[in-house]
Amino acid sequence: MPPWAIWTLQTGIWLTIMSFVKLSVSVGVYFGQDEVYSCLASTFRMLGLCGHHRAQLLASVVVIPVVGDAFQFAVQDTFLKNKPAAATVADAKEHSLECLRQQESDVHSDSSD
């Protein structure tokens, strides 16, 4: 498979996963908006941001998205660096090759009998 096709496939998979996650979060926020808004209002009150419109805007537009993006990056990075999964795939390939070799040797030994 050419590198551009692999890149396109990986990008498509990533876009599909991200779209599903965004859709799931959007649906969850829509149905839980009363609780989400109550929690945010309580947090703003606790931090003393009520009545400070620029501070609320900064928290809502900069701070919260940066924290969310950092969390998303950490999860994706951990998932992509997961070595045991790669080792499992390599082990499966090696096992498949061993099975093929065994079948070939069985065929050759049967034909020589």
PDB file of N, CA and C in Angstrom:
ATOM      1  N   MET A   1       0.860  -1.174   0.000  1.00  0.00           N
ATOM      2  CA  MET A   1       0.000   0.000   0.000  1.00  0.00           C
ATOM      3  C   MET A   1       0.906   1.236   0.000  1.00  0.00           C
ATOM      4  N   PRO A   2       0.683   2.181  -0.912  1.00  0.00           N
ATOM      5  CA  PRO A   2       1.536   3.380  -0.970  1.00  0.00           C
ATOM      6  C   PRO A   2       1.338   4.259   0.274  1.00  0.00           C
ATOM      7  N   PRO A   3       2.373   5.037   0.619  1.00  0.00           N
ATOM      8  CA  PRO A   3       2.296   5.872   1.829  1.00  0.00           C
ATOM      9  C   PRO A   3       1.116   6.844   1.827  1.00  0.00           C
ATOM     10  N   TRP A   4       0.782   7.408   0.681  1.00  0.00           N
ATOM     11  CA  TRP A   4      -0.329   8.366   0.649  1.00  0.00           C
ATOM     12  C   TRP A   4      -1.657   7.678   0.958  1.00  0.00           C
ATOM     13  N   ALA A   5      -1.795   6.421   0.550  1.00  0.00           N
ATOM     14  CA  ALA A   5      -3.032   5.677   0.831  1.00  0.00           C
ATOM     15  C   ALA A   5      -3.130   5.338   2.309  1.00  0.00           C
ATOM     16  N   ILE A   6      -1.993   4.976   2.907  1.00  0.00           N
ATOM     17  CA  ILE A   6      -1.978   4.701   4.348  1.00  0.00           C
ATOM     18  C   ILE A   6      -2.346   5.967   5.117  1.00  0.00           C
ATOM     19  N   TRP A   7      -1.732   7.112   4.712  1.00  0.00           N
ATOM     20  CA  TRP A   7      -2.025   8.387   5.371  1.00  0.00           C
ATOM     21  C   TRP A   7      -3.509   8.726   5.228  1.00  0.00           C
ATOM     22  N   THR A   8      -4.067   8.546   4.044  1.00  0.00           N
ATOM     23  CA  THR A   8      -5.479   8.847   3.808  1.00  0.00           C
ATOM     24  C   THR A   8      -6.372   7.952   4.665  1.00  0.00           C
ATOM     25  N   LEU A   9      -6.044   6.682   4.741  1.00  0.00           N
ATOM     26  CA  LEU A   9      -6.813   5.753   5.563  1.00  0.00           C
ATOM     27  C   LEU A   9      -6.746   6.142   7.040  1.00  0.00           C
ATOM     28  N   GLN A  10      -5.533   6.424   7.534  1.00  0.00           N
ATOM     29  CA  GLN A  10      -5.371   6.822   8.932  1.00  0.00           C
ATOM     30  C   GLN A  10      -6.115   8.119   9.231  1.00  0.00           C
ATOM     31  N   THR A  11      -6.041   9.071   8.323  1.00  0.00           N
ATOM     32  CA  THR A  11      -6.747  10.344   8.508  1.00  0.00           C
ATOM     33  C   THR A  11      -8.256  10.117   8.520  1.00  0.00           C
ATOM     34  N   GLY A  12      -8.736   9.263   7.639  1.00  0.00           N
ATOM     35  CA  GLY A  12     -10.169   8.951   7.609  1.00  0.00           C
ATOM     36  C   GLY A  12     -10.636   8.290   8.899  1.00  0.00           C
ATOM     37  N   ILE A  13      -9.828   7.352   9.393  1.00  0.00           N
ATOM     38  CA  ILE A  13     -10.177   6.693  10.663  1.00  0.00           C
ATOM     39  C   ILE A  13     -10.197   7.708  11.790  1.00  0.00           C
ATOM     40  N   TRP A  14      -9.177   8.565  11.843  1.00  0.00           N
ATOM     41  CA  TRP A  14      -9.101   9.581  12.899  1.00  0.00           C
ATOM     42  C   TRP A  14     -10.300  10.526  12.813  1.00  0.00           C
ATOM     43  N   LEU A  15     -10.639  10.986  11.621  1.00  0.00           N
ATOM     44  CA  LEU A  15     -11.787  11.890  11.456  1.00  0.00           C
ATOM     45  C   LEU A  15     -13.099  11.212  11.867  1.00  0.00           C
ATOM     46  N   THR A  16     -13.240   9.940  11.550  1.00  0.00           N
ATOM     47  CA  THR A  16     -14.438   9.207  11.946  1.00  0.00           C
ATOM     48  C   THR A  16     -14.541   9.117  13.463  1.00  0.00           C
ATOM     49  N   ILE A  17     -13.442   8.761  14.105  1.00  0.00           N
ATOM     50  CA  ILE A  17     -13.446   8.662  15.576  1.00  0.00           C
ATOM     51  C   ILE A  17     -13.732  10.010  16.201  1.00  0.00           C
ATOM     52  N   MET A  18     -13.048  11.055  15.722  1.00  0.00           N
ATOM     53  CA  MET A  18     -13.254  12.398  16.300  1.00  0.00           C
ATOM     54  C   MET A  18     -14.684  12.886  16.069  1.00  0.00           C
ATOM     55  N   SER A  19     -15.243  12.610  14.922  1.00  0.00           N
ATOM     56  CA  SER A  19     -16.629  13.018  14.652  1.00  0.00           C
ATOM     57  C   SER A  19     -17.585  12.293  15.591  1.00  0.00           C
ATOM     58  N   PHE A  20     -17.357  11.001  15.812  1.00  0.00           N
ATOM     59  CA  PHE A  20     -18.197  10.231  16.728  1.00  0.00           C
ATOM     60  C   PHE A  20     -18.086  10.777  18.150  1.00  0.00           C
ATOM     61  N   VAL A  21     -16.868  11.093  18.581  1.00  0.00           N
ATOM     62  CA  VAL A  21     -16.666  11.642  19.932  1.00  0.00           C
ATOM     63  C   VAL A  21     -17.358  12.999  20.054  1.00  0.00           C
ATOM     64  N   LYS A  22     -17.172  13.866  19.087  1.00  0.00           N
ATOM     65  CA  LYS A  22     -17.802  15.198  19.131  1.00  0.00           C
ATOM     66  C   LYS A  22     -19.323  15.070  19.146  1.00  0.00           C
ATOM     67  N   LEU A  23     -19.855  14.166  18.335  1.00  0.00           N
ATOM     68  CA  LEU A  23     -21.299  13.960  18.299  1.00  0.00           C
ATOM     69  C   LEU A  23     -21.794  13.439  19.651  1.00  0.00           C
ATOM     70  N   SER A  24     -21.063  12.485  20.217  1.00  0.00           N
ATOM     71  CA  SER A  24     -21.452  11.921  21.516  1.00  0.00           C
ATOM     72  C   SER A  24     -21.432  12.985  22.603  1.00  0.00           C
ATOM     73  N   VAL A  25     -20.384  13.796  22.623  1.00  0.00           N
ATOM     74  CA  VAL A  25     -20.294  14.864  23.626  1.00  0.00           C
ATOM     75  C   VAL A  25     -21.410  15.877  23.413  1.00  0.00           C
ATOM     76  N   SER A  26     -21.675  16.227  22.171  1.00  0.00           N
ATOM     77  CA  SER A  26     -22.742  17.200  21.883  1.00  0.00           C
ATOM     78  C   SER A  26     -24.101  16.690  22.341  1.00  0.00           C
ATOM     79  N   VAL A  27     -24.390  15.431  22.060  1.00  0.00           N
ATOM     80  CA  VAL A  27     -25.666  14.837  22.492  1.00  0.00           C
ATOM     81  C   VAL A  27     -25.719  14.790  24.017  1.00  0.00           C
ATOM     82  N   GLY A  28     -24.605  14.397  24.653  1.00  0.00           N
ATOM     83  CA  GLY A  28     -24.560  14.358  26.114  1.00  0.00           C
ATOM     84  C   GLY A  28     -24.766  15.717  26.741  1.00  0.00           C
ATOM     85  N   VAL A  29     -24.132  16.740  26.173  1.00  0.00           N
ATOM     86  CA  VAL A  29     -24.288  18.102  26.701  1.00  0.00           C
ATOM     87  C   VAL A  29     -25.710  18.598  26.468  1.00  0.00           C
ATOM     88  N   TYR A  30     -26.280  18.267  25.310  1.00  0.00           N
ATOM     89  CA  TYR A  30     -27.645  18.708  25.025  1.00  0.00           C
ATOM     90  C   TYR A  30     -28.618  18.152  26.062  1.00  0.00           C
ATOM     91  N   PHE A  31     -28.523  16.845  26.327  1.00  0.00           N
ATOM     92  CA  PHE A  31     -29.452  16.234  27.273  1.00  0.00           C
ATOM     93  C   PHE A  31     -29.110  16.538  28.725  1.00  0.00           C
ATOM     94  N   GLY A  32     -27.841  16.894  28.985  1.00  0.00           N
ATOM     95  CA  GLY A  32     -27.451  17.198  30.358  1.00  0.00           C
ATOM     96  C   GLY A  32     -27.145  18.664  30.574  1.00  0.00           C
ATOM     97  N   GLN A  33     -27.699  19.530  29.700  1.00  0.00           N
ATOM     98  CA  GLN A  33     -27.335  20.938  29.762  1.00  0.00           C
ATOM     99  C   GLN A  33     -27.711  21.610  31.075  1.00  0.00           C
ATOM    100  N   ASP A  34     -28.811  21.218  31.694  1.00  0.00           N
ATOM    101  CA  ASP A  34     -29.184  21.829  32.970  1.00  0.00           C
ATOM    102  C   ASP A  34     -28.115  21.552  34.020  1.00  0.00           C
ATOM    103  N   GLU A  35     -27.656  20.305  34.093  1.00  0.00           N
ATOM    104  CA  GLU A  35     -26.625  19.949  35.063  1.00  0.00           C
ATOM    105  C   GLU A  35     -25.292  20.603  34.720  1.00  0.00           C
ATOM    106  N   VAL A  36     -24.952  20.639  33.439  1.00  0.00           N
ATOM    107  CA  VAL A  36     -23.684  21.239  33.010  1.00  0.00           C
ATOM    108  C   VAL A  36     -23.682  22.726  33.343  1.00  0.00           C
ATOM    109  N   TYR A  37     -24.764  23.428  33.005  1.00  0.00           N
ATOM    110  CA  TYR A  37     -24.826  24.858  33.279  1.00  0.00           C
ATOM    111  C   TYR A  37     -24.817  25.139  34.776  1.00  0.00           C
ATOM    112  N   SER A  38     -25.507  24.328  35.558  1.00  0.00           N
ATOM    113  CA  SER A  38     -25.503  24.500  37.017  1.00  0.00           C
ATOM    114  C   SER A  38     -24.095  24.307  37.579  1.00  0.00           C
ATOM    115  N   CYS A  39     -23.394  23.292  37.066  1.00  0.00           N
ATOM    116  CA  CYS A  39     -22.026  23.025  37.511  1.00  0.00           C
ATOM    117  C   CYS A  39     -21.091  24.170  37.136  1.00  0.00           C
ATOM    118  N   LEU A  40     -21.211  24.668  35.905  1.00  0.00           N
ATOM    119  CA  LEU A  40     -20.380  25.796  35.480  1.00  0.00           C
ATOM    120  C   LEU A  40     -20.682  27.048  36.288  1.00  0.00           C
ATOM    121  N   ALA A  41     -21.963  27.314  36.547  1.00  0.00           N
ATOM    122  CA  ALA A  41     -22.334  28.488  37.341  1.00  0.00           C
ATOM    123  C   ALA A  41     -21.775  28.379  38.757  1.00  0.00           C
ATOM    124  N   SER A  42     -21.850  27.196  39.332  1.00  0.00           N
ATOM    125  CA  SER A  42     -21.296  26.987  40.674  1.00  0.00           C
ATOM    126  C   SER A  42     -19.784  27.179  40.676  1.00  0.00           C
ATOM    127  N   THR A  43     -19.123  26.676  39.647  1.00  0.00           N
ATOM    128  CA  THR A  43     -17.670  26.838  39.536  1.00  0.00           C
ATOM    129  C   THR A  43     -17.296  28.304  39.385  1.00  0.00           C
ATOM    130  N   PHE A  44     -18.031  29.037  38.553  1.00  0.00           N
ATOM    131  CA  PHE A  44     -17.768  30.468  38.376  1.00  0.00           C
ATOM    132  C   PHE A  44     -17.984  31.223  39.679  1.00  0.00           C
ATOM    133  N   ARG A  45     -19.043  30.861  40.422  1.00  0.00           N
ATOM    134  CA  ARG A  45     -19.294  31.507  41.723  1.00  0.00           C
ATOM    135  C   ARG A  45     -18.159  31.193  42.698  1.00  0.00           C
ATOM    136  N   MET A  46     -17.741  29.927  42.728  1.00  0.00           N
ATOM    137  CA  MET A  46     -16.690  29.502  43.643  1.00  0.00           C
ATOM    138  C   MET A  46     -15.364  30.214  43.336  1.00  0.00           C
ATOM    139  N   LEU A  47     -15.078  30.431  42.055  1.00  0.00           N
ATOM    140  CA  LEU A  47     -13.843  31.106  41.656  1.00  0.00           C
ATOM    141  C   LEU A  47     -13.957  32.628  41.684  1.00  0.00           C
ATOM    142  N   GLY A  48     -15.139  33.141  42.002  1.00  0.00           N
ATOM    143  CA  GLY A  48     -15.338  34.593  42.070  1.00  0.00           C
ATOM    144  C   GLY A  48     -15.375  35.265  40.712  1.00  0.00           C
ATOM    145  N   LEU A  49     -15.819  34.550  39.693  1.00  0.00           N
ATOM    146  CA  LEU A  49     -15.868  35.111  38.336  1.00  0.00           C
ATOM    147  C   LEU A  49     -17.200  35.777  38.009  1.00  0.00           C
ATOM    148  N   CYS A  50     -18.194  35.628  38.869  1.00  0.00           N
ATOM    149  CA  CYS A  50     -19.503  36.222  38.588  1.00  0.00           C
ATOM    150  C   CYS A  50     -19.380  37.743  38.583  1.00  0.00           C
ATOM    151  N   GLY A  51     -19.925  38.352  37.544  1.00  0.00           N
ATOM    152  CA  GLY A  51     -19.867  39.806  37.403  1.00  0.00           C
ATOM    153  C   GLY A  51     -18.604  40.282  36.702  1.00  0.00           C
ATOM    154  N   HIS A  52     -17.666  39.418  36.457  1.00  0.00           N
ATOM    155  CA  HIS A  52     -16.431  39.760  35.745  1.00  0.00           C
ATOM    156  C   HIS A  52     -16.507  39.131  34.356  1.00  0.00           C
ATOM    157  N   HIS A  53     -17.129  39.859  33.450  1.00  0.00           N
ATOM    158  CA  HIS A  53     -17.444  39.303  32.132  1.00  0.00           C
ATOM    159  C   HIS A  53     -16.199  38.910  31.330  1.00  0.00           C
ATOM    160  N   ARG A  54     -15.141  39.725  31.416  1.00  0.00           N
ATOM    161  CA  ARG A  54     -13.921  39.376  30.660  1.00  0.00           C
ATOM    162  C   ARG A  54     -13.253  38.134  31.237  1.00  0.00           C
ATOM    163  N   ALA A  55     -13.268  37.986  32.546  1.00  0.00           N
ATOM    164  CA  ALA A  55     -12.690  36.792  33.170  1.00  0.00           C
ATOM    165  C   ALA A  55     -13.510  35.557  32.806  1.00  0.00           C
ATOM    166  N   GLN A  56     -14.836  35.697  32.774  1.00  0.00           N
ATOM    167  CA  GLN A  56     -15.688  34.583  32.361  1.00  0.00           C
ATOM    168  C   GLN A  56     -15.398  34.205  30.912  1.00  0.00           C
ATOM    169  N   LEU A  57     -15.255  35.209  30.069  1.00  0.00           N
ATOM    170  CA  LEU A  57     -14.956  34.964  28.653  1.00  0.00           C
ATOM    171  C   LEU A  57     -13.600  34.271  28.499  1.00  0.00           C
ATOM    172  N   LEU A  58     -12.593  34.732  29.226  1.00  0.00           N
ATOM    173  CA  LEU A  58     -11.279  34.125  29.170  1.00  0.00           C
ATOM    174  C   LEU A  58     -11.330  32.661  29.627  1.00  0.00           C
ATOM    175  N   ALA A  59     -12.050  32.405  30.705  1.00  0.00           N
ATOM    176  CA  ALA A  59     -12.173  31.034  31.212  1.00  0.00           C
ATOM    177  C   ALA A  59     -12.910  30.154  30.202  1.00  0.00           C
ATOM    178  N   SER A  60     -13.988  30.688  29.630  1.00  0.00           N
ATOM    179  CA  SER A  60     -14.820  29.896  28.726  1.00  0.00           C
ATOM    180  C   SER A  60     -14.187  29.651  27.364  1.00  0.00           C
ATOM    181  N   VAL A  61     -13.444  30.638  26.870  1.00  0.00           N
ATOM    182  CA  VAL A  61     -12.924  30.551  25.505  1.00  0.00           C
ATOM    183  C   VAL A  61     -11.472  30.079  25.450  1.00  0.00           C
ATOM    184  N   VAL A  62     -10.715  30.296  26.529  1.00  0.00           N
ATOM    185  CA  VAL A  62      -9.301  29.936  26.501  1.00  0.00           C
ATOM    186  C   VAL A  62      -8.975  28.804  27.474  1.00  0.00           C
ATOM    187  N   VAL A  63      -9.244  29.009  28.750  1.00  0.00           N
ATOM    188  CA  VAL A  63      -8.776  28.072  29.774  1.00  0.00           C
ATOM    189  C   VAL A  63      -9.427  26.693  29.638  1.00  0.00           C
ATOM    190  N   ILE A  64     -10.746  26.645  29.585  1.00  0.00           N
ATOM    191  CA  ILE A  64     -11.446  25.351  29.516  1.00  0.00           C
ATOM    192  C   ILE A  64     -11.096  24.585  28.235  1.00  0.00           C
ATOM    193  N   PRO A  65     -11.082  25.234  27.049  1.00  0.00           N
ATOM    194  CA  PRO A  65     -10.671  24.489  25.848  1.00  0.00           C
ATOM    195  C   PRO A  65      -9.218  24.005  25.891  1.00  0.00           C
ATOM    196  N   VAL A  66      -8.309  24.779  26.478  1.00  0.00           N
ATOM    197  CA  VAL A  66      -6.909  24.347  26.565  1.00  0.00           C
ATOM    198  C   VAL A  66      -6.800  23.093  27.440  1.00  0.00           C
ATOM    199  N   VAL A  67      -7.515  23.082  28.553  1.00  0.00           N
ATOM    200  CA  VAL A  67      -7.507  21.907  29.429  1.00  0.00           C
ATOM    201  C   VAL A  67      -8.106  20.702  28.696  1.00  0.00           C
ATOM    202  N   GLY A  68      -9.217  20.908  28.003  1.00  0.00           N
ATOM    203  CA  GLY A  68      -9.845  19.824  27.243  1.00  0.00           C
ATOM    204  C   GLY A  68      -8.946  19.304  26.133  1.00  0.00           C
ATOM    205  N   ASP A  69      -8.285  20.204  25.414  1.00  0.00           N
ATOM    206  CA  ASP A  69      -7.383  19.787  24.338  1.00  0.00           C
ATOM    207  C   ASP A  69      -6.165  19.041  24.890  1.00  0.00           C
ATOM    208  N   ALA A  70      -5.648  19.498  26.029  1.00  0.00           N
ATOM    209  CA  ALA A  70      -4.510  18.809  26.650  1.00  0.00           C
ATOM    210  C   ALA A  70      -4.909  17.391  27.058  1.00  0.00           C
ATOM    211  N   PHE A  71      -6.105  17.250  27.617  1.00  0.00           N
ATOM    212  CA  PHE A  71      -6.592  15.923  28.000  1.00  0.00           C
ATOM    213  C   PHE A  71      -6.748  15.040  26.762  1.00  0.00           C
ATOM    214  N   GLN A  72      -7.346  15.585  25.709  1.00  0.00           N
ATOM    215  CA  GLN A  72      -7.535  14.827  24.467  1.00  0.00           C
ATOM    216  C   GLN A  72      -6.188  14.411  23.884  1.00  0.00           C
ATOM    217  N   PHE A  73      -5.225  15.321  23.883  1.00  0.00           N
ATOM    218  CA  PHE A  73      -3.896  15.009  23.362  1.00  0.00           C
ATOM    219  C   PHE A  73      -3.247  13.894  24.177  1.00  0.00           C
ATOM    220  N   ALA A  74      -3.356  13.974  25.497  1.00  0.00           N
ATOM    221  CA  ALA A  74      -2.748  12.959  26.365  1.00  0.00           C
ATOM    222  C   ALA A  74      -3.359  11.583  26.102  1.00  0.00           C
ATOM    223  N   VAL A  75      -4.675  11.533  25.941  1.00  0.00           N
ATOM    224  CA  VAL A  75      -5.338  10.255  25.681  1.00  0.00           C
ATOM    225  C   VAL A  75      -4.912   9.697  24.326  1.00  0.00           C
ATOM    226  N   GLN A  76      -4.912  10.533  23.294  1.00  0.00           N
ATOM    227  CA  GLN A  76      -4.528  10.068  21.961  1.00  0.00           C
ATOM    228  C   GLN A  76      -3.068   9.649  21.918  1.00  0.00           C
ATOM    229  N   ASP A  77      -2.204  10.422  22.569  1.00  0.00           N
ATOM    230  CA  ASP A  77      -0.785  10.107  22.579  1.00  0.00           C
ATOM    231  C   ASP A  77      -0.532   8.778  23.278  1.00  0.00           C
ATOM    232  N   THR A  78      -1.196   8.559  24.395  1.00  0.00           N
ATOM    233  CA  THR A  78      -1.052   7.303  25.122  1.00  0.00           C
ATOM    234  C   THR A  78      -1.539   6.134  24.272  1.00  0.00           C
ATOM    235  N   PHE A  79      -2.662   6.333  23.589  1.00  0.00           N
ATOM    236  CA  PHE A  79      -3.212   5.284  22.739  1.00  0.00           C
ATOM    237  C   PHE A  79      -2.264   4.954  21.589  1.00  0.00           C
ATOM    238  N   LEU A  80      -1.709   5.981  20.953  1.00  0.00           N
ATOM    239  CA  LEU A  80      -0.843   5.762  19.799  1.00  0.00           C
ATOM    240  C   LEU A  80       0.506   5.170  20.191  1.00  0.00           C
ATOM    241  N   LYS A  81       0.965   5.448  21.400  1.00  0.00           N
ATOM    242  CA  LYS A  81       2.253   4.921  21.850  1.00  0.00           C
ATOM    243  C   LYS A  81       2.130   3.573  22.543  1.00  0.00           C
ATOM    244  N   ASN A  82       0.952   3.000  22.535  1.00  0.00           N
ATOM    245  CA  ASN A  82       0.716   1.738  23.220  1.00  0.00           C
ATOM    246  C   ASN A  82       1.511   0.631  22.538  1.00  0.00           C
ATOM    247  N   LYS A  83       2.650   0.256  23.105  1.00  0.00           N
ATOM    248  CA  LYS A  83       3.538  -0.740  22.516  1.00  0.00           C
ATOM    249  C   LYS A  83       2.991  -2.168  22.597  1.00  0.00           C
ATOM    250  N   PRO A  84       2.312  -2.559  23.685  1.00  0.00           N
ATOM    251  CA  PRO A  84       1.833  -3.950  23.729  1.00  0.00           C
ATOM    252  C   PRO A  84       0.925  -4.314  22.559  1.00  0.00           C
ATOM    253  N   ALA A  85       0.126  -3.385  22.086  1.00  0.00           N
ATOM    254  CA  ALA A  85      -0.758  -3.678  20.955  1.00  0.00           C
ATOM    255  C   ALA A  85       0.077  -3.969  19.707  1.00  0.00           C
ATOM    256  N   ALA A  86       1.135  -3.185  19.513  1.00  0.00           N
ATOM    257  CA  ALA A  86       2.000  -3.415  18.355  1.00  0.00           C
ATOM    258  C   ALA A  86       2.713  -4.751  18.495  1.00  0.00           C
ATOM    259  N   ALA A  87       3.149  -5.074  19.708  1.00  0.00           N
ATOM    260  CA  ALA A  87       3.812  -6.356  19.938  1.00  0.00           C
ATOM    261  C   ALA A  87       2.845  -7.506  19.668  1.00  0.00           C
ATOM    262  N   THR A  88       1.592  -7.332  20.031  1.00  0.00           N
ATOM    263  CA  THR A  88       0.589  -8.357  19.802  1.00  0.00           C
ATOM    264  C   THR A  88       0.396  -8.591  18.310  1.00  0.00           C
ATOM    265  N   VAL A  89       0.363  -7.520  17.538  1.00  0.00           N
ATOM    266  CA  VAL A  89       0.220  -7.655  16.089  1.00  0.00           C
ATOM    267  C   VAL A  89       1.440  -8.375  15.514  1.00  0.00           C
ATOM    268  N   ALA A  90       2.623  -7.993  15.966  1.00  0.00           N
ATOM    269  CA  ALA A  90       3.840  -8.646  15.478  1.00  0.00           C
ATOM    270  C   ALA A  90       3.840 -10.126  15.857  1.00  0.00           C
ATOM    271  N   ASP A  91       3.416 -10.431  17.088  1.00  0.00           N
ATOM    272  CA  ASP A  91       3.342 -11.825  17.521  1.00  0.00           C
ATOM    273  C   ASP A  91       2.341 -12.611  16.674  1.00  0.00           C
ATOM    274  N   ALA A  92       1.220 -11.989  16.347  1.00  0.00           N
ATOM    275  CA  ALA A  92       0.206 -12.654  15.534  1.00  0.00           C
ATOM    276  C   ALA A  92       0.749 -12.944  14.133  1.00  0.00           C
ATOM    277  N   LYS A  93       1.490 -11.995  13.571  1.00  0.00           N
ATOM    278  CA  LYS A  93       2.080 -12.220  12.251  1.00  0.00           C
ATOM    279  C   LYS A  93       3.082 -13.373  12.295  1.00  0.00           C
ATOM    280  N   GLU A  94       3.922 -13.360  13.332  1.00  0.00           N
ATOM    281  CA  GLU A  94       4.914 -14.428  13.466  1.00  0.00           C
ATOM    282  C   GLU A  94       4.235 -15.789  13.626  1.00  0.00           C
ATOM    283  N   HIS A  95       3.171 -15.821  14.428  1.00  0.00           N
ATOM    284  CA  HIS A  95       2.426 -17.067  14.627  1.00  0.00           C
ATOM    285  C   HIS A  95       1.824 -17.553  13.302  1.00  0.00           C
ATOM    286  N   SER A  96       1.283 -16.617  12.524  1.00  0.00           N
ATOM    287  CA  SER A  96       0.710 -16.988  11.228  1.00  0.00           C
ATOM    288  C   SER A  96       1.769 -17.562  10.304  1.00  0.00           C
ATOM    289  N   LEU A  97       2.952 -16.942  10.290  1.00  0.00           N
ATOM    290  CA  LEU A  97       4.041 -17.452   9.448  1.00  0.00           C
ATOM    291  C   LEU A  97       4.475 -18.848   9.894  1.00  0.00           C
ATOM    292  N   GLU A  98       4.539 -19.061  11.210  1.00  0.00           N
ATOM    293  CA  GLU A  98       4.906 -20.383  11.719  1.00  0.00           C
ATOM    294  C   GLU A  98       3.875 -21.429  11.296  1.00  0.00           C
ATOM    295  N   CYS A  99       2.605 -21.073  11.349  1.00  0.00           N
ATOM    296  CA  CYS A  99       1.542 -22.006  10.929  1.00  0.00           C
ATOM    297  C   CYS A  99       1.674 -22.348   9.455  1.00  0.00           C
ATOM    298  N   LEU A 100       1.943 -21.321   8.635  1.00  0.00           N
ATOM    299  CA  LEU A 100       2.120 -21.567   7.196  1.00  0.00           C
ATOM    300  C   LEU A 100       3.319 -22.475   6.939  1.00  0.00           C
ATOM    301  N   ARG A 101       4.421 -22.225   7.633  1.00  0.00           N
ATOM    302  CA  ARG A 101       5.601 -23.072   7.466  1.00  0.00           C
ATOM    303  C   ARG A 101       5.296 -24.513   7.869  1.00  0.00           C
ATOM    304  N   GLN A 102       4.562 -24.660   8.973  1.00  0.00           N
ATOM    305  CA  GLN A 102       4.205 -26.005   9.438  1.00  0.00           C
ATOM    306  C   GLN A 102       3.326 -26.713   8.411  1.00  0.00           C
ATOM    307  N   GLN A 103       2.356 -25.985   7.849  1.00  0.00           N
ATOM    308  CA  GLN A 103       1.475 -26.582   6.841  1.00  0.00           C
ATOM    309  C   GLN A 103       2.278 -26.996   5.614  1.00  0.00           C
ATOM    310  N   GLU A 104       3.227 -26.134   5.193  1.00  0.00           N
ATOM    311  CA  GLU A 104       4.057 -26.462   4.037  1.00  0.00           C
ATOM    312  C   GLU A 104       4.905 -27.712   4.306  1.00  0.00           C
ATOM    313  N   SER A 105       5.466 -27.779   5.489  1.00  0.00           N
ATOM    314  CA  SER A 105       6.301 -28.962   5.804  1.00  0.00           C
ATOM    315  C   SER A 105       5.425 -30.216   5.893  1.00  0.00           C
ATOM    316  N   ASP A 106       4.188 -30.065   6.398  1.00  0.00           N
ATOM    317  CA  ASP A 106       3.261 -31.215   6.442  1.00  0.00           C
ATOM    318  C   ASP A 106       2.926 -31.676   5.035  1.00  0.00           C
ATOM    319  N   VAL A 107       2.684 -30.733   4.136  1.00  0.00           N
ATOM    320  CA  VAL A 107       2.352 -31.075   2.745  1.00  0.00           C
ATOM    321  C   VAL A 107       3.521 -31.780   2.093  1.00  0.00           C
ATOM    322  N   HIS A 108       4.733 -31.254   2.319  1.00  0.00           N
ATOM    323  CA  HIS A 108       5.915 -31.861   1.703  1.00  0.00           C
ATOM    324  C   HIS A 108       6.190 -33.252   2.280  1.00  0.00           C
ATOM    325  N   SER A 109       5.966 -33.429   3.574  1.00  0.00           N
ATOM    326  CA  SER A 109       6.205 -34.753   4.178  1.00  0.00           C
ATOM    327  C   SER A 109       5.143 -35.755   3.727  1.00  0.00           C
ATOM    328  N   ASP A 110       3.896 -35.294   3.528  1.00  0.00           N
ATOM    329  CA  ASP A 110       2.841 -36.173   3.029  1.00  0.00           C
ATOM    330  C   ASP A 110       3.117 -36.601   1.582  1.00  0.00           C
ATOM    331  N   SER A 111       3.621 -35.683   0.779  1.00  0.00           N
ATOM    332  CA  SER A 111       3.862 -36.019  -0.621  1.00  0.00           C
ATOM    333  C   SER A 111       5.075 -36.917  -0.797  1.00  0.00           C
ATOM    334  N   SER A 112       5.997 -36.887   0.134  1.00  0.00           N
ATOM    335  CA  SER A 112       7.180 -37.750   0.028  1.00  0.00           C
ATOM    336  C   SER A 112       6.904 -39.166   0.529  1.00  0.00           C
ATOM    337  N   ASP A 113       5.808 -39.392   1.223  1.00  0.00           N
ATOM    338  CA  ASP A 113       5.461 -40.728   1.754  1.00  0.00           C
ATOM    339  C   ASP A 113       4.988 -41.632   0.692  1.00  0.00           C
TER     340      ASP A 113
END
